[in-house]
């Protein structure tokens, strides 16, 4: 398939938050006194730089991530959407997503954000009770979060929300009750993440000190199995390891990542993939603005991806999906045969254990294999990435 015929995705990073959550390793920063005019000018110029390098494409999705994009003035969001429409043709069914915190202050902006062009919102509810929200460092309360969700459902065509489970001490019964409540709220998409202790976060320090004890692997696996059963029964099966949706409400933007399509990334710390090139912007907001003034773009890294790296990354991303990876299509794209892409012997052995399937050149990690996905990838992905060479 011609890459130009596949819709492009645009990611816009807004790096600012009111506070830093203890589990978060995203590129987020707490700042006083944000000059929105300066930031609009910088993001518009950064977008224009990418558009000049990606001409003639149709834009299938825009995603405002962060940080906390719901803190952005709606007029700024509208200006960026309008600029994207000038640079690229828009898919008639374009998906425009904005991540939002479910505070009452940010919920008050929802109607204006819908006016600005946002048609899908992803709410960071994270939990349904105040104790869990306090533990997670969230600024909103449970009642406030549910009110924001209800208002979002009135304003946007599509709504998703996040929950974090496998919290220290969380029982099967407690998660079952929370998940049943989530499924009853009527959204067509849920992102359900097990708590992971990321390097450099406050939670990592707390674990090291013994202040918190993470869920053990067996309990986490049981919680994951319960999650798959309940979401599938409710008509929101997993289409990616942590994402569940009705067929009509899959995140088209995230599918571009997982299917290894092209996406332009602008704003501090934003990553992108432009043809055979990986891009990354300066992470610190002040450094990003300095680069914009100096160079007219925020690029810190622009790295060619050789065929081996593209093949390895496509496998690592694509095997997160319930649909798996078409090895024939990947071979045509990269020039590697099946035996070079994957270890056929290991794949056959794991298939015998019901962890993967390989039929008509489509390799799929089964639901039984998803909880041990990282171990499976280490065994079956043969082609080696040279990105750090």
Protein backbone atom coordinates (compact mmCIF):
# COMPACT_ATOMS: atom_id res chain seq x y z
CA UNK A 1 0.00 0.00 0.00
CA UNK A 2 1.25 3.49 -0.87
CA UNK A 3 2.10 5.36 2.34
CA UNK A 4 0.60 8.54 0.89
CA UNK A 5 -2.80 6.83 0.68
CA UNK A 6 -2.84 6.05 4.42
CA UNK A 7 -4.23 8.86 6.61
CA UNK A 8 -1.67 10.79 8.63
CA UNK A 9 -2.05 11.41 12.38
CA UNK A 10 -1.10 14.64 14.15
CA UNK A 11 -0.08 14.70 17.81
CA UNK A 12 0.06 18.03 19.68
CA UNK A 13 1.69 18.03 23.12
CA UNK A 14 0.62 20.53 25.79
CA UNK A 15 3.18 20.00 28.56
CA UNK A 16 1.61 21.85 31.48
CA UNK A 17 -0.14 20.40 34.54
CA UNK A 18 -1.46 21.83 37.79
CA UNK A 19 0.57 19.21 39.69
CA UNK A 20 2.69 16.13 38.95
CA UNK A 21 1.06 12.76 39.71
CA UNK A 22 3.31 10.31 41.60
CA UNK A 23 2.94 7.54 38.98
CA UNK A 24 3.47 9.79 35.94
CA UNK A 25 6.59 9.59 33.75
CA UNK A 26 5.12 11.66 30.91
CA UNK A 27 6.64 14.94 29.80
CA UNK A 28 4.62 17.20 32.09
CA UNK A 29 5.63 20.37 33.89
CA UNK A 30 4.16 22.69 36.50
CA UNK A 31 4.58 26.35 35.55
CA UNK A 32 3.13 29.65 36.72
CA UNK A 33 2.21 32.28 34.15
CA UNK A 34 1.89 30.56 30.77
CA UNK A 35 1.90 33.00 27.83
CA UNK A 36 -0.69 31.45 25.53
CA UNK A 37 0.12 33.76 22.61
CA UNK A 38 3.76 32.67 22.63
CA UNK A 39 2.74 29.02 22.78
CA UNK A 40 0.22 29.34 19.97
CA UNK A 41 2.83 30.96 17.74
CA UNK A 42 5.37 28.26 18.53
CA UNK A 43 2.98 25.37 17.91
CA UNK A 44 1.73 26.90 14.66
CA UNK A 45 5.30 27.29 13.39
CA UNK A 46 6.23 23.77 14.47
CA UNK A 47 3.18 22.38 12.67
CA UNK A 48 4.06 24.30 9.52
CA UNK A 49 7.56 22.78 9.60
CA UNK A 50 6.17 19.23 9.71
CA UNK A 51 3.52 19.99 7.09
CA UNK A 52 6.18 21.13 4.63
CA UNK A 53 7.86 17.73 5.02
CA UNK A 54 4.58 15.78 4.75
CA UNK A 55 2.79 17.33 1.77
CA UNK A 56 -0.20 15.86 0.01
CA UNK A 57 -1.41 13.79 2.96
CA UNK A 58 -4.92 13.38 4.33
CA UNK A 59 -5.19 13.91 8.07
CA UNK A 60 -7.16 11.14 9.77
CA UNK A 61 -6.79 12.21 13.39
CA UNK A 62 -5.55 14.93 15.71
CA UNK A 63 -4.69 14.16 19.33
CA UNK A 64 -4.05 16.79 22.00
CA UNK A 65 -2.02 15.05 24.71
CA UNK A 66 -0.03 16.13 27.73
CA UNK A 67 0.38 17.27 30.31
CA UNK A 68 -3.19 18.52 30.66
CA UNK A 69 -4.58 19.74 27.32
CA UNK A 70 -7.94 20.57 28.91
CA UNK A 71 -6.13 23.54 30.47
CA UNK A 72 -5.62 24.97 26.95
CA UNK A 73 -7.81 27.94 26.03
CA UNK A 74 -10.42 26.69 23.53
CA UNK A 75 -9.46 29.50 21.13
CA UNK A 76 -5.93 28.09 21.02
CA UNK A 77 -7.28 24.59 20.26
CA UNK A 78 -9.50 26.02 17.50
CA UNK A 79 -6.57 27.89 15.94
CA UNK A 80 -4.49 24.70 15.83
CA UNK A 81 -7.32 22.66 14.29
CA UNK A 82 -7.88 25.38 11.68
CA UNK A 83 -4.16 25.44 10.86
CA UNK A 84 -4.12 21.66 10.42
CA UNK A 85 -7.00 21.99 7.96
CA UNK A 86 -4.98 24.51 5.94
CA UNK A 87 -1.90 22.28 5.81
CA UNK A 88 -3.60 18.97 5.00
CA UNK A 89 -6.85 17.66 3.60
CA UNK A 90 -9.04 16.46 6.47
CA UNK A 91 -10.64 13.03 6.40
CA UNK A 92 -14.44 13.57 6.33
CA UNK A 93 -14.64 11.44 9.47
CA UNK A 94 -11.59 12.95 11.21
CA UNK A 95 -11.17 12.06 14.87
CA UNK A 96 -10.06 14.98 17.07
CA UNK A 97 -9.27 13.85 20.61
CA UNK A 98 -8.32 15.89 23.65
CA UNK A 99 -7.12 14.45 26.95
CA UNK A 100 -8.88 16.05 29.90
CA UNK A 101 -8.76 16.03 33.66
CA UNK A 102 -12.25 15.66 35.11
CA UNK A 103 -12.16 18.71 37.37
CA UNK A 104 -15.12 21.08 37.46
CA UNK A 105 -12.92 23.92 36.18
CA UNK A 106 -11.88 22.00 33.10
CA UNK A 107 -15.34 20.50 32.53
CA UNK A 108 -16.64 24.08 32.24
CA UNK A 109 -14.55 24.34 29.04
CA UNK A 110 -16.05 21.25 27.38
CA UNK A 111 -18.72 23.08 25.38
CA UNK A 112 -16.15 25.54 24.06
CA UNK A 113 -13.72 22.72 23.23
CA UNK A 114 -16.47 21.01 21.24
CA UNK A 115 -16.99 24.32 19.40
CA UNK A 116 -13.23 24.37 18.71
CA UNK A 117 -13.55 21.08 16.80
CA UNK A 118 -12.86 18.41 19.42
CA UNK A 119 -15.20 15.45 18.83
CA UNK A 120 -13.67 12.90 21.20
CA UNK A 121 -12.47 13.38 24.76
CA UNK A 122 -10.37 11.05 26.91
CA UNK A 123 -10.98 11.65 30.62
CA UNK A 124 -8.44 10.73 33.29
CA UNK A 125 -10.92 9.52 35.91
CA UNK A 126 -8.41 6.90 37.19
CA UNK A 127 -10.59 5.75 40.15
CA UNK A 128 -14.09 5.99 41.63
CA UNK A 129 -13.25 6.60 45.28
CA UNK A 130 -11.54 9.49 47.01
CA UNK A 131 -8.98 7.39 48.89
CA UNK A 132 -7.65 5.88 45.66
CA UNK A 133 -7.61 9.29 43.97
CA UNK A 134 -5.65 10.77 46.87
CA UNK A 135 -3.17 7.89 46.66
CA UNK A 136 -2.77 8.52 42.93
CA UNK A 137 -2.19 12.23 43.52
CA UNK A 138 -5.23 13.31 41.52
CA UNK A 139 -6.63 16.82 42.04
CA UNK A 140 -10.29 15.85 41.51
CA UNK A 141 -12.69 13.98 43.75
CA UNK A 142 -14.83 10.99 42.80
CA UNK A 143 -18.12 12.91 42.65
CA UNK A 144 -16.49 15.71 40.65
CA UNK A 145 -15.08 13.17 38.18
CA UNK A 146 -18.43 11.50 37.58
CA UNK A 147 -20.09 14.89 37.05
CA UNK A 148 -17.43 15.80 34.48
CA UNK A 149 -17.99 12.49 32.68
CA UNK A 150 -21.72 13.12 32.48
CA UNK A 151 -21.15 16.60 31.08
CA UNK A 152 -18.60 15.29 28.58
CA UNK A 153 -21.12 12.75 27.30
CA UNK A 154 -23.51 15.63 26.61
CA UNK A 155 -20.91 17.64 24.67
CA UNK A 156 -18.86 15.14 22.65
CA UNK A 157 -19.80 12.47 20.14
CA UNK A 158 -17.32 10.03 21.64
CA UNK A 159 -16.02 9.75 25.20
CA UNK A 160 -13.38 7.48 26.70
CA UNK A 161 -12.06 7.37 30.22
CA UNK A 162 -9.08 5.85 32.01
CA UNK A 163 -8.98 3.74 35.14
CA UNK A 164 -5.91 2.45 36.95
CA UNK A 165 -6.18 -0.90 38.71
CA UNK A 166 -3.93 -3.36 40.55
CA UNK A 167 -3.40 -0.71 43.21
CA UNK A 168 -1.65 -1.86 46.39
CA UNK A 169 -4.14 -3.85 48.45
CA UNK A 170 -6.88 -3.82 45.80
CA UNK A 171 -8.93 -7.02 45.97
CA UNK A 172 -10.60 -8.90 43.14
CA UNK A 173 -14.00 -7.97 44.56
CA UNK A 174 -13.14 -4.28 44.74
CA UNK A 175 -11.92 -4.17 41.13
CA UNK A 176 -14.91 -6.20 39.94
CA UNK A 177 -17.24 -3.63 41.53
CA UNK A 178 -15.32 -0.69 40.04
CA UNK A 179 -15.24 -2.24 36.59
CA UNK A 180 -18.95 -3.07 36.69
CA UNK A 181 -19.60 0.56 37.56
CA UNK A 182 -17.39 1.73 34.69
CA UNK A 183 -19.17 -0.49 32.18
CA UNK A 184 -22.55 0.82 33.33
CA UNK A 185 -21.61 4.43 32.58
CA UNK A 186 -22.26 4.03 28.86
CA UNK A 187 -19.04 5.08 27.15
CA UNK A 188 -17.90 3.21 24.05
CA UNK A 189 -14.21 3.13 24.97
CA UNK A 190 -12.28 2.37 28.17
CA UNK A 191 -8.52 2.50 28.81
CA UNK A 192 -7.76 0.20 31.74
CA UNK A 193 -4.16 0.27 32.95
CA UNK A 194 -2.50 -1.78 35.64
CA UNK A 195 -0.43 0.41 37.94
CA UNK A 196 3.20 0.21 36.89
CA UNK A 197 6.09 1.64 38.89
CA UNK A 198 8.02 3.75 36.41
CA UNK A 199 11.66 4.79 36.93
CA UNK A 200 12.11 8.32 38.17
CA UNK A 201 8.60 8.66 39.62
CA UNK A 202 7.68 9.35 43.24
CA UNK A 203 6.09 5.89 43.43
CA UNK A 204 9.44 4.30 42.56
CA UNK A 205 11.01 6.06 45.54
CA UNK A 206 8.14 4.93 47.78
CA UNK A 207 8.51 1.30 46.66
CA UNK A 208 12.25 1.43 47.26
CA UNK A 209 11.65 2.74 50.79
CA UNK A 210 9.00 0.11 51.46
CA UNK A 211 6.25 2.71 51.82
CA UNK A 212 4.06 0.88 49.28
CA UNK A 213 4.04 -2.72 48.08
CA UNK A 214 2.91 -3.24 44.46
CA UNK A 215 0.49 -6.02 43.54
CA UNK A 216 2.31 -9.30 42.92
CA UNK A 217 2.40 -10.80 39.44
CA UNK A 218 -0.12 -13.59 40.10
CA UNK A 219 -2.70 -11.22 41.57
CA UNK A 220 -2.17 -8.76 38.71
CA UNK A 221 -2.68 -11.58 36.21
CA UNK A 222 -5.96 -12.56 37.91
CA UNK A 223 -7.15 -8.94 37.79
CA UNK A 224 -6.24 -8.78 34.09
CA UNK A 225 -8.18 -11.98 33.33
CA UNK A 226 -11.23 -10.62 35.16
CA UNK A 227 -10.96 -7.40 33.15
CA UNK A 228 -10.93 -9.27 29.83
CA UNK A 229 -13.94 -11.39 30.76
CA UNK A 230 -16.09 -8.53 31.99
CA UNK A 231 -15.32 -6.11 29.15
CA UNK A 232 -15.91 -8.76 26.47
CA UNK A 233 -19.24 -9.70 28.05
CA UNK A 234 -20.27 -6.04 28.02
CA UNK A 235 -19.45 -5.63 24.31
CA UNK A 236 -16.21 -3.70 24.85
CA UNK A 237 -13.55 -6.34 24.16
CA UNK A 238 -9.87 -5.47 24.20
CA UNK A 239 -8.52 -4.42 20.82
CA UNK A 240 -5.15 -3.54 22.39
CA UNK A 241 -3.65 -4.89 25.57
CA UNK A 242 -5.10 -2.10 27.76
CA UNK A 243 -7.80 -0.60 25.54
CA UNK A 244 -11.37 -1.80 25.17
CA UNK A 245 -14.06 -0.53 22.83
CA UNK A 246 -17.10 -1.11 20.74
CA UNK A 247 -16.11 -1.81 17.15
CA UNK A 248 -17.25 1.65 16.05
CA UNK A 249 -15.26 3.47 18.74
CA UNK A 250 -11.68 2.22 18.41
CA UNK A 251 -9.17 5.05 18.80
CA UNK A 252 -8.14 5.71 15.21
CA UNK A 253 -5.26 7.91 16.34
CA UNK A 254 -3.72 5.26 18.57
CA UNK A 255 -4.24 2.62 15.92
CA UNK A 256 -1.96 4.68 13.67
CA UNK A 257 0.82 4.24 16.27
CA UNK A 258 0.21 0.55 16.81
CA UNK A 259 -0.11 -0.21 13.08
CA UNK A 260 3.15 1.66 12.51
CA UNK A 261 1.73 4.45 10.40
CA UNK A 262 3.10 7.96 9.98
CA UNK A 263 2.34 10.61 12.56
CA UNK A 264 3.59 14.15 13.00
CA UNK A 265 4.41 15.12 16.57
CA UNK A 266 4.70 18.76 17.64
CA UNK A 267 5.14 20.47 21.01
CA UNK A 268 7.63 19.79 23.82
CA UNK A 269 8.86 16.20 23.93
CA UNK A 270 6.54 15.06 21.13
CA UNK A 271 7.67 12.04 19.14
CA UNK A 272 6.82 11.48 15.49
CA UNK A 273 7.41 9.04 12.64
CA UNK A 274 7.82 10.64 9.23
CA UNK A 275 8.36 8.02 6.54
CA UNK A 276 11.57 6.29 7.55
CA UNK A 277 12.49 9.00 10.06
CA UNK A 278 11.94 9.14 13.82
CA UNK A 279 11.53 12.63 15.26
CA UNK A 280 11.59 14.01 18.78
CA UNK A 281 11.11 17.55 20.05
CA UNK A 282 12.98 19.20 22.94
CA UNK A 283 11.34 18.09 26.20
CA UNK A 284 11.70 21.07 28.54
CA UNK A 285 9.26 23.85 27.59
CA UNK A 286 11.89 26.57 27.84
CA UNK A 287 14.34 24.62 25.66
CA UNK A 288 11.59 23.96 23.13
CA UNK A 289 10.75 27.66 22.84
CA UNK A 290 14.43 28.51 22.48
CA UNK A 291 14.75 25.99 19.65
CA UNK A 292 11.67 27.43 17.96
CA UNK A 293 13.21 30.92 18.07
CA UNK A 294 16.58 29.65 16.88
CA UNK A 295 15.54 27.13 14.22
CA UNK A 296 11.87 27.64 13.40
CA UNK A 297 11.05 24.15 14.72
CA UNK A 298 11.33 22.27 18.00
CA UNK A 299 13.26 19.25 16.75
CA UNK A 300 15.93 17.81 19.03
CA UNK A 301 16.29 14.45 17.24
CA UNK A 302 15.73 13.45 13.62
CA UNK A 303 16.96 9.90 13.16
CA UNK A 304 16.73 7.66 10.06
CA UNK A 305 15.18 4.26 10.78
CA UNK A 306 16.78 1.38 8.93
CA UNK A 307 14.66 -1.54 7.72
CA UNK A 308 15.59 -3.74 10.69
CA UNK A 309 14.55 -1.10 13.20
CA UNK A 310 11.27 -0.48 11.39
CA UNK A 311 10.52 -4.20 11.30
CA UNK A 312 11.32 -4.70 14.99
CA UNK A 313 9.29 -1.68 16.07
CA UNK A 314 6.33 -2.68 13.90
CA UNK A 315 6.29 -6.12 15.53
CA UNK A 316 6.65 -4.77 19.06
CA UNK A 317 3.79 -2.34 18.51
CA UNK A 318 1.53 -4.46 16.33
CA UNK A 319 1.55 -7.52 18.55
CA UNK A 320 -0.12 -5.43 21.28
CA UNK A 321 -3.22 -5.49 19.07
CA UNK A 322 -5.86 -8.20 19.07
CA UNK A 323 -5.63 -8.18 15.26
CA UNK A 324 -1.88 -8.95 15.39
CA UNK A 325 0.55 -8.35 12.51
CA UNK A 326 0.34 -9.29 8.83
CA UNK A 327 3.81 -10.74 8.22
CA UNK A 328 3.42 -10.65 4.43
CA UNK A 329 2.70 -6.91 4.51
CA UNK A 330 5.60 -6.30 6.90
CA UNK A 331 7.92 -8.37 4.71
CA UNK A 332 6.92 -6.35 1.63
CA UNK A 333 7.54 -3.13 3.53
CA UNK A 334 10.94 -4.03 5.02
CA UNK A 335 12.38 -6.71 2.73
CA UNK A 336 12.69 -9.29 5.52
CA UNK A 337 11.21 -12.77 5.13
CA UNK A 338 9.11 -14.42 7.82
CA UNK A 339 12.07 -16.41 9.14
CA UNK A 340 14.06 -13.20 9.52
CA UNK A 341 11.23 -11.35 11.25
CA UNK A 342 10.32 -14.00 13.81
CA UNK A 343 11.78 -17.14 15.35
CA UNK A 344 9.53 -19.72 13.71
CA UNK A 345 10.55 -22.49 16.12
CA UNK A 346 9.73 -20.40 19.20
CA UNK A 347 6.49 -19.26 17.58
CA UNK A 348 5.47 -22.87 16.94
CA UNK A 349 6.29 -23.84 20.52
CA UNK A 350 4.32 -20.93 21.99
CA UNK A 351 1.43 -21.71 19.64
CA UNK A 352 1.37 -25.20 21.14
CA UNK A 353 0.83 -23.59 24.54
CA UNK A 354 -2.01 -21.46 23.18
CA UNK A 355 -0.11 -18.18 23.60
CA UNK A 356 0.16 -17.19 19.91
CA UNK A 357 -1.38 -18.15 16.58
CA UNK A 358 0.10 -17.96 13.08
CA UNK A 359 -2.38 -18.50 10.28
CA UNK A 360 -2.25 -17.17 6.70
CA UNK A 361 0.79 -15.07 7.61
CA UNK A 362 -1.05 -13.25 10.41
CA UNK A 363 0.73 -13.51 13.77
CA UNK A 364 -1.49 -12.90 16.82
CA UNK A 365 -0.80 -13.00 20.52
CA UNK A 366 -3.83 -14.73 22.05
CA UNK A 367 -5.75 -13.45 25.09
CA UNK A 368 -3.91 -16.09 27.14
CA UNK A 369 -0.59 -14.71 25.91
CA UNK A 370 -1.27 -10.99 26.50
CA UNK A 371 -0.46 -11.04 30.24
CA UNK A 372 3.05 -12.28 29.37
CA UNK A 373 3.42 -10.22 26.20
CA UNK A 374 6.90 -8.90 26.99
CA UNK A 375 8.27 -12.41 27.51
CA UNK A 376 6.65 -13.58 24.26
CA UNK A 377 8.12 -10.68 22.30
CA UNK A 378 11.58 -11.44 23.66
CA UNK A 379 11.30 -15.02 22.38
CA UNK A 380 9.73 -14.61 18.95
CA UNK A 381 10.95 -11.28 17.51
CA UNK A 382 14.11 -12.21 15.61
CA UNK A 383 14.92 -9.03 13.70
CA UNK A 384 17.02 -6.70 15.82
CA UNK A 385 16.55 -2.97 16.08
CA UNK A 386 19.63 -0.90 15.34
CA UNK A 387 18.18 2.35 16.67
CA UNK A 388 20.78 2.59 19.47
CA UNK A 389 23.71 1.42 17.37
